[in-house]
Amino acid sequence: MKSRLLSLLVVLVFVTSQVPAVLGQQAAVNDWSAVQHLGTNVKVIVKQKDGKEVRGSMIEANDTTLTIDRNGKPMSIARSDVRQVYVTTGKAEKGKWALIGSGIGAGAGGGIGAIKYDSSKDDYGIYPVMGVLIGTGAGAVGGLLFGQSRRKRELVYSSF
């Protein structure tokens, strides 16, 4: 009986001791100074309160304004209009995703071509070959576009 009570007490103390750590992590995301401490030329994504998403490189942030370089032109966004700020890291893996997409496309195109194949007719031998070719090309393009958008995002600031 005593060991059961002691175990319950230890678990209760452990669980309640983790609450301040969780609350501390949430408070850090709501801190504008994290945005102000970002270095110059850091790639950022700014989600505005009107729903627009702006990508660019960090120039500076002060108490009232966030300034980023968007396509070679500075753009200032009022702090009151900023909903979230993300830092993007990593490199787009376009080649990797293009290969994966081409493999999937080749399999799907070959499968569709095999379904259309009929050995009793003359020209039906072209369907599996063309299915693989078309599927490979379409899959590679789809994979390339998907891989272009795959970067790691880290939330730096969020206004509630």
C-alpha atoms as a PDB file:
ATOM      1  CA  MET A   1       0.000   0.000   0.000  1.00  0.00           C
ATOM      2  CA  LYS A   2       2.805   2.437   0.870  1.00  0.00           C
ATOM      3  CA  SER A   3       4.732   1.663  -2.322  1.00  0.00           C
ATOM      4  CA  ARG A   4       1.614   2.242  -4.423  1.00  0.00           C
ATOM      5  CA  LEU A   5       1.026   5.621  -2.772  1.00  0.00           C
ATOM      6  CA  LEU A   6       4.690   6.544  -3.172  1.00  0.00           C
ATOM      7  CA  SER A   7       4.597   5.586  -6.877  1.00  0.00           C
ATOM      8  CA  LEU A   8       1.480   7.649  -7.436  1.00  0.00           C
ATOM      9  CA  LEU A   9       3.052  10.620  -5.673  1.00  0.00           C
ATOM     10  CA  VAL A  10       6.243  10.378  -7.776  1.00  0.00           C
ATOM     11  CA  VAL A  11       4.226  10.266 -11.011  1.00  0.00           C
ATOM     12  CA  LEU A  12       2.111  13.229  -9.902  1.00  0.00           C
ATOM     13  CA  VAL A  13       5.198  15.298  -9.046  1.00  0.00           C
ATOM     14  CA  PHE A  14       6.823  14.408 -12.386  1.00  0.00           C
ATOM     15  CA  VAL A  15       3.749  15.357 -14.440  1.00  0.00           C
ATOM     16  CA  THR A  16       3.206  18.666 -12.666  1.00  0.00           C
ATOM     17  CA  SER A  17       6.871  19.589 -12.957  1.00  0.00           C
ATOM     18  CA  GLN A  18       6.632  19.434 -16.779  1.00  0.00           C
ATOM     19  CA  VAL A  19       3.810  22.008 -17.049  1.00  0.00           C
ATOM     20  CA  PRO A  20       6.089  25.099 -16.703  1.00  0.00           C
ATOM     21  CA  ALA A  21       8.422  23.764 -19.408  1.00  0.00           C
ATOM     22  CA  VAL A  22       5.529  23.377 -21.852  1.00  0.00           C
ATOM     23  CA  LEU A  23       4.158  26.824 -21.059  1.00  0.00           C
ATOM     24  CA  GLY A  24       7.638  28.309 -21.460  1.00  0.00           C
ATOM     25  CA  GLN A  25       7.934  26.886 -24.965  1.00  0.00           C
ATOM     26  CA  GLN A  26       4.620  28.393 -26.007  1.00  0.00           C
ATOM     27  CA  ALA A  27       5.579  31.801 -24.663  1.00  0.00           C
ATOM     28  CA  ALA A  28       8.761  31.822 -26.760  1.00  0.00           C
ATOM     29  CA  VAL A  29       6.743  31.569 -29.981  1.00  0.00           C
ATOM     30  CA  ASN A  30       4.769  34.685 -29.034  1.00  0.00           C
ATOM     31  CA  ASP A  31       7.925  36.775 -28.506  1.00  0.00           C
ATOM     32  CA  TRP A  32       8.649  39.416 -31.202  1.00  0.00           C
ATOM     33  CA  SER A  33      12.280  39.685 -30.061  1.00  0.00           C
ATOM     34  CA  ALA A  34      12.914  36.273 -31.660  1.00  0.00           C
ATOM     35  CA  VAL A  35      12.127  37.890 -35.024  1.00  0.00           C
ATOM     36  CA  GLN A  36      14.318  40.886 -34.185  1.00  0.00           C
ATOM     37  CA  HIS A  37      17.274  38.573 -33.473  1.00  0.00           C
ATOM     38  CA  LEU A  38      17.132  36.838 -36.861  1.00  0.00           C
ATOM     39  CA  GLY A  39      20.219  37.453 -38.958  1.00  0.00           C
ATOM     40  CA  THR A  40      20.345  39.293 -42.245  1.00  0.00           C
ATOM     41  CA  ASN A  41      19.629  37.182 -45.364  1.00  0.00           C
ATOM     42  CA  VAL A  42      17.859  34.437 -43.395  1.00  0.00           C
ATOM     43  CA  LYS A  43      15.095  32.977 -45.581  1.00  0.00           C
ATOM     44  CA  VAL A  44      11.703  33.716 -44.007  1.00  0.00           C
ATOM     45  CA  ILE A  45       8.053  33.111 -44.762  1.00  0.00           C
ATOM     46  CA  VAL A  46       5.650  35.683 -43.328  1.00  0.00           C
ATOM     47  CA  LYS A  47       1.965  34.810 -43.024  1.00  0.00           C
ATOM     48  CA  GLN A  48      -0.121  37.927 -42.740  1.00  0.00           C
ATOM     49  CA  LYS A  49      -3.445  38.330 -40.947  1.00  0.00           C
ATOM     50  CA  ASP A  50      -5.243  38.863 -44.259  1.00  0.00           C
ATOM     51  CA  GLY A  51      -4.150  35.369 -45.377  1.00  0.00           C
ATOM     52  CA  LYS A  52      -1.336  36.355 -47.731  1.00  0.00           C
ATOM     53  CA  GLU A  53       1.999  34.532 -47.552  1.00  0.00           C
ATOM     54  CA  VAL A  54       5.180  36.456 -48.358  1.00  0.00           C
ATOM     55  CA  ARG A  55       8.594  34.833 -48.906  1.00  0.00           C
ATOM     56  CA  GLY A  56      11.891  36.636 -48.807  1.00  0.00           C
ATOM     57  CA  SER A  57      15.190  37.255 -47.049  1.00  0.00           C
ATOM     58  CA  MET A  58      15.345  39.010 -43.719  1.00  0.00           C
ATOM     59  CA  ILE A  59      16.646  42.602 -43.704  1.00  0.00           C
ATOM     60  CA  GLU A  60      15.600  43.879 -40.287  1.00  0.00           C
ATOM     61  CA  ALA A  61      12.841  43.952 -37.700  1.00  0.00           C
ATOM     62  CA  ASN A  62      12.148  46.716 -35.213  1.00  0.00           C
ATOM     63  CA  ASP A  63       9.328  47.214 -32.701  1.00  0.00           C
ATOM     64  CA  THR A  64       6.764  48.186 -35.344  1.00  0.00           C
ATOM     65  CA  THR A  65       7.952  46.860 -38.730  1.00  0.00           C
ATOM     66  CA  LEU A  66       9.413  43.766 -40.368  1.00  0.00           C
ATOM     67  CA  THR A  67      11.446  44.455 -43.521  1.00  0.00           C
ATOM     68  CA  ILE A  68      12.329  41.663 -45.938  1.00  0.00           C
ATOM     69  CA  ASP A  69      13.990  41.502 -49.343  1.00  0.00           C
ATOM     70  CA  ARG A  70      11.449  40.143 -51.801  1.00  0.00           C
ATOM     71  CA  ASN A  71      12.804  39.563 -55.302  1.00  0.00           C
ATOM     72  CA  GLY A  72      15.488  42.223 -54.870  1.00  0.00           C
ATOM     73  CA  LYS A  73      13.105  44.862 -53.510  1.00  0.00           C
ATOM     74  CA  PRO A  74      12.663  45.732 -49.833  1.00  0.00           C
ATOM     75  CA  MET A  75       9.172  45.164 -48.471  1.00  0.00           C
ATOM     76  CA  SER A  76       7.994  46.478 -45.107  1.00  0.00           C
ATOM     77  CA  ILE A  77       5.224  44.734 -43.198  1.00  0.00           C
ATOM     78  CA  ALA A  78       3.668  46.275 -40.105  1.00  0.00           C
ATOM     79  CA  ARG A  79       4.022  44.135 -36.987  1.00  0.00           C
ATOM     80  CA  SER A  80       0.270  44.391 -36.436  1.00  0.00           C
ATOM     81  CA  ASP A  81      -0.299  42.680 -39.836  1.00  0.00           C
ATOM     82  CA  VAL A  82       1.994  39.709 -39.100  1.00  0.00           C
ATOM     83  CA  ARG A  83       0.330  36.481 -37.975  1.00  0.00           C
ATOM     84  CA  GLN A  84       3.286  34.067 -38.197  1.00  0.00           C
ATOM     85  CA  VAL A  85       6.952  34.132 -39.163  1.00  0.00           C
ATOM     86  CA  TYR A  86       8.741  30.958 -40.269  1.00  0.00           C
ATOM     87  CA  VAL A  87      12.425  30.411 -40.969  1.00  0.00           C
ATOM     88  CA  THR A  88      13.076  28.032 -43.862  1.00  0.00           C
ATOM     89  CA  THR A  89      16.145  25.856 -43.835  1.00  0.00           C
ATOM     90  CA  GLY A  90      17.482  23.140 -46.041  1.00  0.00           C
ATOM     91  CA  LYS A  91      17.721  22.707 -49.745  1.00  0.00           C
ATOM     92  CA  ALA A  92      14.965  21.668 -52.115  1.00  0.00           C
ATOM     93  CA  GLU A  93      15.539  18.068 -53.218  1.00  0.00           C
ATOM     94  CA  LYS A  94      14.113  18.379 -56.703  1.00  0.00           C
ATOM     95  CA  GLY A  95      16.185  15.578 -58.223  1.00  0.00           C
ATOM     96  CA  LYS A  96      15.251  13.064 -55.549  1.00  0.00           C
ATOM     97  CA  TRP A  97      11.532  13.768 -55.850  1.00  0.00           C
ATOM     98  CA  ALA A  98      11.700  13.810 -59.667  1.00  0.00           C
ATOM     99  CA  LEU A  99      13.177  10.290 -59.598  1.00  0.00           C
ATOM    100  CA  ILE A 100      10.539   9.083 -57.170  1.00  0.00           C
ATOM    101  CA  GLY A 101       7.797  10.655 -59.294  1.00  0.00           C
ATOM    102  CA  SER A 102       9.155   9.164 -62.502  1.00  0.00           C
ATOM    103  CA  GLY A 103       9.228   5.696 -60.932  1.00  0.00           C
ATOM    104  CA  ILE A 104       5.648   6.006 -59.747  1.00  0.00           C
ATOM    105  CA  GLY A 105       4.557   7.451 -63.094  1.00  0.00           C
ATOM    106  CA  ALA A 106       6.304   4.676 -65.047  1.00  0.00           C
ATOM    107  CA  GLY A 107       4.578   2.030 -62.948  1.00  0.00           C
ATOM    108  CA  ALA A 108       1.164   3.642 -63.284  1.00  0.00           C
ATOM    109  CA  GLY A 109       1.579   4.312 -67.016  1.00  0.00           C
ATOM    110  CA  GLY A 110       2.826   0.779 -67.651  1.00  0.00           C
ATOM    111  CA  GLY A 111      -0.109  -0.636 -65.695  1.00  0.00           C
ATOM    112  CA  ILE A 112      -2.625   1.400 -67.654  1.00  0.00           C
ATOM    113  CA  GLY A 113      -0.925   0.433 -70.925  1.00  0.00           C
ATOM    114  CA  ALA A 114      -0.992  -3.251 -69.916  1.00  0.00           C
ATOM    115  CA  ILE A 115      -4.711  -3.029 -69.248  1.00  0.00           C
ATOM    116  CA  LYS A 116      -5.304  -1.596 -72.744  1.00  0.00           C
ATOM    117  CA  TYR A 117      -3.051  -4.242 -74.373  1.00  0.00           C
ATOM    118  CA  ASP A 118      -4.821  -6.793 -76.547  1.00  0.00           C
ATOM    119  CA  SER A 119      -2.714  -9.465 -78.282  1.00  0.00           C
ATOM    120  CA  SER A 120      -5.389 -10.176 -80.871  1.00  0.00           C
ATOM    121  CA  LYS A 121      -5.007  -6.725 -82.442  1.00  0.00           C
ATOM    122  CA  ASP A 122      -2.047  -5.395 -84.416  1.00  0.00           C
ATOM    123  CA  ASP A 123      -1.187  -1.975 -83.006  1.00  0.00           C
ATOM    124  CA  TYR A 124      -2.011  -2.630 -79.366  1.00  0.00           C
ATOM    125  CA  GLY A 125       1.615  -3.470 -78.509  1.00  0.00           C
ATOM    126  CA  ILE A 126       2.393   0.244 -78.357  1.00  0.00           C
ATOM    127  CA  TYR A 127       0.114   0.915 -75.352  1.00  0.00           C
ATOM    128  CA  PRO A 128       2.399  -0.466 -72.603  1.00  0.00           C
ATOM    129  CA  VAL A 129       5.466   1.261 -74.073  1.00  0.00           C
ATOM    130  CA  MET A 130       3.750   4.625 -74.488  1.00  0.00           C
ATOM    131  CA  GLY A 131       2.146   4.272 -71.057  1.00  0.00           C
ATOM    132  CA  VAL A 132       5.579   3.885 -69.467  1.00  0.00           C
ATOM    133  CA  LEU A 133       7.037   6.807 -71.449  1.00  0.00           C
ATOM    134  CA  ILE A 134       4.165   9.198 -70.778  1.00  0.00           C
ATOM    135  CA  GLY A 135       3.879   8.103 -67.147  1.00  0.00           C
ATOM    136  CA  THR A 136       7.606   8.580 -66.571  1.00  0.00           C
ATOM    137  CA  GLY A 137       7.535  12.104 -67.971  1.00  0.00           C
ATOM    138  CA  ALA A 138       4.403  13.163 -66.100  1.00  0.00           C
ATOM    139  CA  GLY A 139       5.660  11.624 -62.856  1.00  0.00           C
ATOM    140  CA  ALA A 140       9.034  13.341 -63.172  1.00  0.00           C
ATOM    141  CA  VAL A 141       7.403  16.738 -63.670  1.00  0.00           C
ATOM    142  CA  GLY A 142       5.050  16.158 -60.742  1.00  0.00           C
ATOM    143  CA  GLY A 143       7.897  15.014 -58.517  1.00  0.00           C
ATOM    144  CA  LEU A 144      10.016  18.004 -59.518  1.00  0.00           C
ATOM    145  CA  LEU A 145       7.248  20.437 -58.616  1.00  0.00           C
ATOM    146  CA  PHE A 146       6.608  18.657 -55.323  1.00  0.00           C
ATOM    147  CA  GLY A 147      10.316  18.525 -54.442  1.00  0.00           C
ATOM    148  CA  GLN A 148      10.732  22.220 -55.179  1.00  0.00           C
ATOM    149  CA  SER A 149       8.411  23.079 -52.300  1.00  0.00           C
ATOM    150  CA  ARG A 150       9.864  20.670 -49.718  1.00  0.00           C
ATOM    151  CA  ARG A 151      11.930  22.623 -47.193  1.00  0.00           C
ATOM    152  CA  LYS A 152      11.991  22.527 -43.428  1.00  0.00           C
ATOM    153  CA  ARG A 153      10.017  25.321 -41.713  1.00  0.00           C
ATOM    154  CA  GLU A 154      10.550  26.438 -38.149  1.00  0.00           C
ATOM    155  CA  LEU A 155       7.971  28.678 -36.473  1.00  0.00           C
ATOM    156  CA  VAL A 156       9.716  31.682 -34.910  1.00  0.00           C
ATOM    157  CA  TYR A 157       6.780  33.981 -34.103  1.00  0.00           C
ATOM    158  CA  SER A 158       3.035  33.622 -33.862  1.00  0.00           C
ATOM    159  CA  SER A 159       0.494  36.196 -32.724  1.00  0.00           C
ATOM    160  CA  PHE A 160      -2.654  34.753 -31.289  1.00  0.00           C
END
